[in-house]
Amino acid sequence: MEDQIDRIPIYLKMTLTIREAAEYSNIGINKIDSMLRTPNCPFVLFVGTKKLVKRKEFEEYISQKLII
């Protein structure tokens, strides 16, 4: 079962880990982590204490920005 989860392409996942988001966007892990810590971040999803990145919202956020 876990092998099937790992085979899902990043572009099909609803949420990404910080590492996956960094790989997907070519933005550093530390920068993404600091973006997730900002108040009212539109693409953060908390699962307990774990932070996940909402992929579609993250894509929209990046497409609207000139400088991150």
PDB file of N, CA and C in Angstrom:
ATOM      1  N   MET A   1       0.828  -1.200   0.000  1.00  0.00           N
ATOM      2  CA  MET A   1       0.000   0.000   0.000  1.00  0.00           C
ATOM      3  C   MET A   1       0.868   1.259   0.000  1.00  0.00           C
ATOM      4  N   GLU A   2       1.901   1.283   0.817  1.00  0.00           N
ATOM      5  CA  GLU A   2       2.755   2.469   0.895  1.00  0.00           C
ATOM      6  C   GLU A   2       3.485   2.710  -0.421  1.00  0.00           C
ATOM      7  N   ASP A   3       3.845   1.647  -1.148  1.00  0.00           N
ATOM      8  CA  ASP A   3       4.501   1.805  -2.440  1.00  0.00           C
ATOM      9  C   ASP A   3       3.605   2.543  -3.428  1.00  0.00           C
ATOM     10  N   GLN A   4       2.307   2.273  -3.375  1.00  0.00           N
ATOM     11  CA  GLN A   4       1.380   2.942  -4.270  1.00  0.00           C
ATOM     12  C   GLN A   4       1.291   4.432  -3.953  1.00  0.00           C
ATOM     13  N   ILE A   5       1.349   4.786  -2.690  1.00  0.00           N
ATOM     14  CA  ILE A   5       1.307   6.199  -2.305  1.00  0.00           C
ATOM     15  C   ILE A   5       2.551   6.915  -2.823  1.00  0.00           C
ATOM     16  N   ASP A   6       3.707   6.280  -2.734  1.00  0.00           N
ATOM     17  CA  ASP A   6       4.942   6.896  -3.195  1.00  0.00           C
ATOM     18  C   ASP A   6       4.970   7.060  -4.705  1.00  0.00           C
ATOM     19  N   ARG A   7       4.185   6.289  -5.423  1.00  0.00           N
ATOM     20  CA  ARG A   7       4.179   6.352  -6.880  1.00  0.00           C
ATOM     21  C   ARG A   7       3.292   7.461  -7.429  1.00  0.00           C
ATOM     22  N   ILE A   8       2.513   8.105  -6.591  1.00  0.00           N
ATOM     23  CA  ILE A   8       1.656   9.190  -7.066  1.00  0.00           C
ATOM     24  C   ILE A   8       2.552  10.368  -7.453  1.00  0.00           C
ATOM     25  N   PRO A   9       2.429  10.853  -8.687  1.00  0.00           N
ATOM     26  CA  PRO A   9       3.253  11.996  -9.101  1.00  0.00           C
ATOM     27  C   PRO A   9       2.930  13.234  -8.264  1.00  0.00           C
ATOM     28  N   ILE A  10       3.927  14.046  -8.035  1.00  0.00           N
ATOM     29  CA  ILE A  10       3.760  15.248  -7.211  1.00  0.00           C
ATOM     30  C   ILE A  10       2.656  16.144  -7.764  1.00  0.00           C
ATOM     31  N   TYR A  11       2.566  16.268  -9.079  1.00  0.00           N
ATOM     32  CA  TYR A  11       1.586  17.181  -9.658  1.00  0.00           C
ATOM     33  C   TYR A  11       0.143  16.703  -9.502  1.00  0.00           C
ATOM     34  N   LEU A  12      -0.066  15.472  -9.018  1.00  0.00           N
ATOM     35  CA  LEU A  12      -1.408  14.960  -8.771  1.00  0.00           C
ATOM     36  C   LEU A  12      -1.798  14.983  -7.289  1.00  0.00           C
ATOM     37  N   LYS A  13      -0.845  15.229  -6.416  1.00  0.00           N
ATOM     38  CA  LYS A  13      -1.129  15.235  -4.990  1.00  0.00           C
ATOM     39  C   LYS A  13      -1.843  16.523  -4.596  1.00  0.00           C
ATOM     40  N   MET A  14      -2.747  16.411  -3.631  1.00  0.00           N
ATOM     41  CA  MET A  14      -3.445  17.596  -3.134  1.00  0.00           C
ATOM     42  C   MET A  14      -2.553  18.408  -2.207  1.00  0.00           C
ATOM     43  N   THR A  15      -1.787  17.707  -1.367  1.00  0.00           N
ATOM     44  CA  THR A  15      -0.879  18.382  -0.446  1.00  0.00           C
ATOM     45  C   THR A  15       0.522  17.824  -0.624  1.00  0.00           C
ATOM     46  N   LEU A  16       1.495  18.651  -0.306  1.00  0.00           N
ATOM     47  CA  LEU A  16       2.901  18.278  -0.430  1.00  0.00           C
ATOM     48  C   LEU A  16       3.606  18.512   0.890  1.00  0.00           C
ATOM     49  N   THR A  17       4.623  17.712   1.143  1.00  0.00           N
ATOM     50  CA  THR A  17       5.499  18.008   2.266  1.00  0.00           C
ATOM     51  C   THR A  17       6.364  19.201   1.868  1.00  0.00           C
ATOM     52  N   ILE A  18       7.057  19.759   2.824  1.00  0.00           N
ATOM     53  CA  ILE A  18       7.941  20.894   2.516  1.00  0.00           C
ATOM     54  C   ILE A  18       9.009  20.459   1.525  1.00  0.00           C
ATOM     55  N   ARG A  19       9.545  19.280   1.708  1.00  0.00           N
ATOM     56  CA  ARG A  19      10.585  18.768   0.803  1.00  0.00           C
ATOM     57  C   ARG A  19      10.034  18.586  -0.617  1.00  0.00           C
ATOM     58  N   GLU A  20       8.827  18.033  -0.747  1.00  0.00           N
ATOM     59  CA  GLU A  20       8.214  17.857  -2.065  1.00  0.00           C
ATOM     60  C   GLU A  20       7.932  19.210  -2.715  1.00  0.00           C
ATOM     61  N   ALA A  21       7.446  20.173  -1.928  1.00  0.00           N
ATOM     62  CA  ALA A  21       7.174  21.510  -2.460  1.00  0.00           C
ATOM     63  C   ALA A  21       8.462  22.181  -2.935  1.00  0.00           C
ATOM     64  N   ALA A  22       9.550  21.959  -2.212  1.00  0.00           N
ATOM     65  CA  ALA A  22      10.834  22.522  -2.619  1.00  0.00           C
ATOM     66  C   ALA A  22      11.307  21.896  -3.934  1.00  0.00           C
ATOM     67  N   GLU A  23      11.157  20.600  -4.051  1.00  0.00           N
ATOM     68  CA  GLU A  23      11.545  19.905  -5.275  1.00  0.00           C
ATOM     69  C   GLU A  23      10.659  20.350  -6.441  1.00  0.00           C
ATOM     70  N   TYR A  24       9.378  20.487  -6.196  1.00  0.00           N
ATOM     71  CA  TYR A  24       8.397  20.854  -7.215  1.00  0.00           C
ATOM     72  C   TYR A  24       8.605  22.276  -7.729  1.00  0.00           C
ATOM     73  N   SER A  25       8.945  23.189  -6.825  1.00  0.00           N
ATOM     74  CA  SER A  25       9.016  24.607  -7.176  1.00  0.00           C
ATOM     75  C   SER A  25      10.427  25.136  -7.379  1.00  0.00           C
ATOM     76  N   ASN A  26      11.423  24.369  -6.979  1.00  0.00           N
ATOM     77  CA  ASN A  26      12.823  24.807  -7.025  1.00  0.00           C
ATOM     78  C   ASN A  26      13.068  25.995  -6.082  1.00  0.00           C
ATOM     79  N   ILE A  27      12.295  26.047  -5.010  1.00  0.00           N
ATOM     80  CA  ILE A  27      12.479  27.018  -3.935  1.00  0.00           C
ATOM     81  C   ILE A  27      13.028  26.240  -2.750  1.00  0.00           C
ATOM     82  N   GLY A  28      13.937  26.829  -2.004  1.00  0.00           N
ATOM     83  CA  GLY A  28      14.579  26.134  -0.900  1.00  0.00           C
ATOM     84  C   GLY A  28      13.631  25.748   0.229  1.00  0.00           C
ATOM     85  N   ILE A  29      14.008  24.702   0.932  1.00  0.00           N
ATOM     86  CA  ILE A  29      13.211  24.193   2.057  1.00  0.00           C
ATOM     87  C   ILE A  29      13.044  25.266   3.129  1.00  0.00           C
ATOM     88  N   ASN A  30      14.111  25.958   3.461  1.00  0.00           N
ATOM     89  CA  ASN A  30      14.039  26.991   4.502  1.00  0.00           C
ATOM     90  C   ASN A  30      13.122  28.138   4.098  1.00  0.00           C
ATOM     91  N   LYS A  31      13.161  28.521   2.832  1.00  0.00           N
ATOM     92  CA  LYS A  31      12.303  29.610   2.353  1.00  0.00           C
ATOM     93  C   LYS A  31      10.832  29.193   2.402  1.00  0.00           C
ATOM     94  N   ILE A  32      10.530  27.979   1.971  1.00  0.00           N
ATOM     95  CA  ILE A  32       9.148  27.503   2.024  1.00  0.00           C
ATOM     96  C   ILE A  32       8.673  27.422   3.468  1.00  0.00           C
ATOM     97  N   ASP A  33       9.528  26.935   4.357  1.00  0.00           N
ATOM     98  CA  ASP A  33       9.162  26.852   5.767  1.00  0.00           C
ATOM     99  C   ASP A  33       8.862  28.233   6.335  1.00  0.00           C
ATOM    100  N   SER A  34       9.662  29.226   5.978  1.00  0.00           N
ATOM    101  CA  SER A  34       9.402  30.582   6.484  1.00  0.00           C
ATOM    102  C   SER A  34       8.124  31.154   5.871  1.00  0.00           C
ATOM    103  N   MET A  35       7.819  30.811   4.624  1.00  0.00           N
ATOM    104  CA  MET A  35       6.576  31.254   3.998  1.00  0.00           C
ATOM    105  C   MET A  35       5.367  30.640   4.712  1.00  0.00           C
ATOM    106  N   LEU A  36       5.491  29.383   5.122  1.00  0.00           N
ATOM    107  CA  LEU A  36       4.399  28.709   5.810  1.00  0.00           C
ATOM    108  C   LEU A  36       4.151  29.286   7.201  1.00  0.00           C
ATOM    109  N   ARG A  37       5.162  29.911   7.785  1.00  0.00           N
ATOM    110  CA  ARG A  37       5.035  30.493   9.121  1.00  0.00           C
ATOM    111  C   ARG A  37       4.380  31.871   9.127  1.00  0.00           C
ATOM    112  N   THR A  38       4.266  32.498   7.960  1.00  0.00           N
ATOM    113  CA  THR A  38       3.668  33.823   7.920  1.00  0.00           C
ATOM    114  C   THR A  38       2.187  33.748   8.283  1.00  0.00           C
ATOM    115  N   PRO A  39       1.680  34.750   8.992  1.00  0.00           N
ATOM    116  CA  PRO A  39       0.261  34.739   9.368  1.00  0.00           C
ATOM    117  C   PRO A  39      -0.640  34.711   8.127  1.00  0.00           C
ATOM    118  N   ASN A  40      -1.695  33.947   8.210  1.00  0.00           N
ATOM    119  CA  ASN A  40      -2.680  33.824   7.127  1.00  0.00           C
ATOM    120  C   ASN A  40      -2.088  33.333   5.811  1.00  0.00           C
ATOM    121  N   CYS A  41      -1.108  32.466   5.885  1.00  0.00           N
ATOM    122  CA  CYS A  41      -0.517  31.880   4.673  1.00  0.00           C
ATOM    123  C   CYS A  41      -1.624  31.120   3.937  1.00  0.00           C
ATOM    124  N   PRO A  42      -1.854  31.434   2.655  1.00  0.00           N
ATOM    125  CA  PRO A  42      -2.993  30.843   1.948  1.00  0.00           C
ATOM    126  C   PRO A  42      -2.808  29.383   1.547  1.00  0.00           C
ATOM    127  N   PHE A  43      -1.598  28.841   1.669  1.00  0.00           N
ATOM    128  CA  PHE A  43      -1.365  27.482   1.191  1.00  0.00           C
ATOM    129  C   PHE A  43      -0.851  26.522   2.259  1.00  0.00           C
ATOM    130  N   VAL A  44      -0.980  26.886   3.538  1.00  0.00           N
ATOM    131  CA  VAL A  44      -0.550  25.986   4.612  1.00  0.00           C
ATOM    132  C   VAL A  44      -1.739  25.170   5.106  1.00  0.00           C
ATOM    133  N   LEU A  45      -1.496  23.907   5.415  1.00  0.00           N
ATOM    134  CA  LEU A  45      -2.489  23.030   6.017  1.00  0.00           C
ATOM    135  C   LEU A  45      -1.823  22.347   7.194  1.00  0.00           C
ATOM    136  N   PHE A  46      -2.375  22.541   8.394  1.00  0.00           N
ATOM    137  CA  PHE A  46      -1.830  21.914   9.589  1.00  0.00           C
ATOM    138  C   PHE A  46      -2.538  20.594   9.837  1.00  0.00           C
ATOM    139  N   VAL A  47      -1.765  19.543   9.970  1.00  0.00           N
ATOM    140  CA  VAL A  47      -2.272  18.225  10.356  1.00  0.00           C
ATOM    141  C   VAL A  47      -1.587  17.931  11.679  1.00  0.00           C
ATOM    142  N   GLY A  48      -2.263  18.262  12.767  1.00  0.00           N
ATOM    143  CA  GLY A  48      -1.616  18.224  14.073  1.00  0.00           C
ATOM    144  C   GLY A  48      -0.571  19.325  14.094  1.00  0.00           C
ATOM    145  N   THR A  49       0.670  18.951  14.329  1.00  0.00           N
ATOM    146  CA  THR A  49       1.762  19.934  14.311  1.00  0.00           C
ATOM    147  C   THR A  49       2.508  19.930  12.981  1.00  0.00           C
ATOM    148  N   LYS A  50       2.149  19.014  12.103  1.00  0.00           N
ATOM    149  CA  LYS A  50       2.818  18.898  10.804  1.00  0.00           C
ATOM    150  C   LYS A  50       2.255  19.932   9.837  1.00  0.00           C
ATOM    151  N   LYS A  51       3.135  20.584   9.091  1.00  0.00           N
ATOM    152  CA  LYS A  51       2.729  21.570   8.093  1.00  0.00           C
ATOM    153  C   LYS A  51       2.807  20.934   6.712  1.00  0.00           C
ATOM    154  N   LEU A  52       1.720  21.027   5.965  1.00  0.00           N
ATOM    155  CA  LEU A  52       1.691  20.570   4.589  1.00  0.00           C
ATOM    156  C   LEU A  52       1.390  21.754   3.681  1.00  0.00           C
ATOM    157  N   VAL A  53       1.741  21.624   2.419  1.00  0.00           N
ATOM    158  CA  VAL A  53       1.542  22.680   1.438  1.00  0.00           C
ATOM    159  C   VAL A  53       0.392  22.274   0.520  1.00  0.00           C
ATOM    160  N   LYS A  54      -0.612  23.127   0.427  1.00  0.00           N
ATOM    161  CA  LYS A  54      -1.707  22.895  -0.516  1.00  0.00           C
ATOM    162  C   LYS A  54      -1.182  23.228  -1.909  1.00  0.00           C
ATOM    163  N   ARG A  55      -1.073  22.211  -2.744  1.00  0.00           N
ATOM    164  CA  ARG A  55      -0.386  22.351  -4.034  1.00  0.00           C
ATOM    165  C   ARG A  55      -1.021  23.407  -4.939  1.00  0.00           C
ATOM    166  N   LYS A  56      -2.323  23.356  -5.163  1.00  0.00           N
ATOM    167  CA  LYS A  56      -2.958  24.306  -6.079  1.00  0.00           C
ATOM    168  C   LYS A  56      -2.835  25.740  -5.594  1.00  0.00           C
ATOM    169  N   GLU A  57      -3.054  25.954  -4.291  1.00  0.00           N
ATOM    170  CA  GLU A  57      -2.932  27.297  -3.734  1.00  0.00           C
ATOM    171  C   GLU A  57      -1.484  27.790  -3.802  1.00  0.00           C
ATOM    172  N   PHE A  58      -0.541  26.872  -3.597  1.00  0.00           N
ATOM    173  CA  PHE A  58       0.879  27.204  -3.691  1.00  0.00           C
ATOM    174  C   PHE A  58       1.232  27.632  -5.113  1.00  0.00           C
ATOM    175  N   GLU A  59       0.742  26.888  -6.104  1.00  0.00           N
ATOM    176  CA  GLU A  59       0.976  27.244  -7.507  1.00  0.00           C
ATOM    177  C   GLU A  59       0.405  28.621  -7.824  1.00  0.00           C
ATOM    178  N   GLU A  60      -0.824  28.891  -7.371  1.00  0.00           N
ATOM    179  CA  GLU A  60      -1.454  30.186  -7.620  1.00  0.00           C
ATOM    180  C   GLU A  60      -0.675  31.313  -6.957  1.00  0.00           C
ATOM    181  N   TYR A  61      -0.243  31.072  -5.724  1.00  0.00           N
ATOM    182  CA  TYR A  61       0.526  32.078  -4.990  1.00  0.00           C
ATOM    183  C   TYR A  61       1.813  32.424  -5.740  1.00  0.00           C
ATOM    184  N   ILE A  62       2.527  31.402  -6.180  1.00  0.00           N
ATOM    185  CA  ILE A  62       3.790  31.626  -6.891  1.00  0.00           C
ATOM    186  C   ILE A  62       3.553  32.327  -8.224  1.00  0.00           C
ATOM    187  N   SER A  63       2.504  31.946  -8.937  1.00  0.00           N
ATOM    188  CA  SER A  63       2.246  32.551 -10.251  1.00  0.00           C
ATOM    189  C   SER A  63       1.901  34.038 -10.152  1.00  0.00           C
ATOM    190  N   GLN A  64       1.406  34.485  -8.992  1.00  0.00           N
ATOM    191  CA  GLN A  64       1.054  35.884  -8.810  1.00  0.00           C
ATOM    192  C   GLN A  64       2.210  36.744  -8.304  1.00  0.00           C
ATOM    193  N   LYS A  65       3.280  36.095  -7.832  1.00  0.00           N
ATOM    194  CA  LYS A  65       4.388  36.839  -7.244  1.00  0.00           C
ATOM    195  C   LYS A  65       5.516  37.072  -8.244  1.00  0.00           C
ATOM    196  N   LEU A  66       6.148  38.202  -8.115  1.00  0.00           N
ATOM    197  CA  LEU A  66       7.322  38.520  -8.910  1.00  0.00           C
ATOM    198  C   LEU A  66       8.589  38.233  -8.118  1.00  0.00           C
ATOM    199  N   ILE A  67       8.527  38.498  -6.802  1.00  0.00           N
ATOM    200  CA  ILE A  67       9.662  38.271  -5.905  1.00  0.00           C
ATOM    201  C   ILE A  67       9.159  37.532  -4.685  1.00  0.00           C
ATOM    202  N   ILE A  68       9.922  36.504  -4.298  1.00  0.00           N
ATOM    203  CA  ILE A  68       9.576  35.762  -3.086  1.00  0.00           C
ATOM    204  C   ILE A  68      10.735  35.910  -2.117  1.00  0.00           C
TER     205      ILE A  68
END
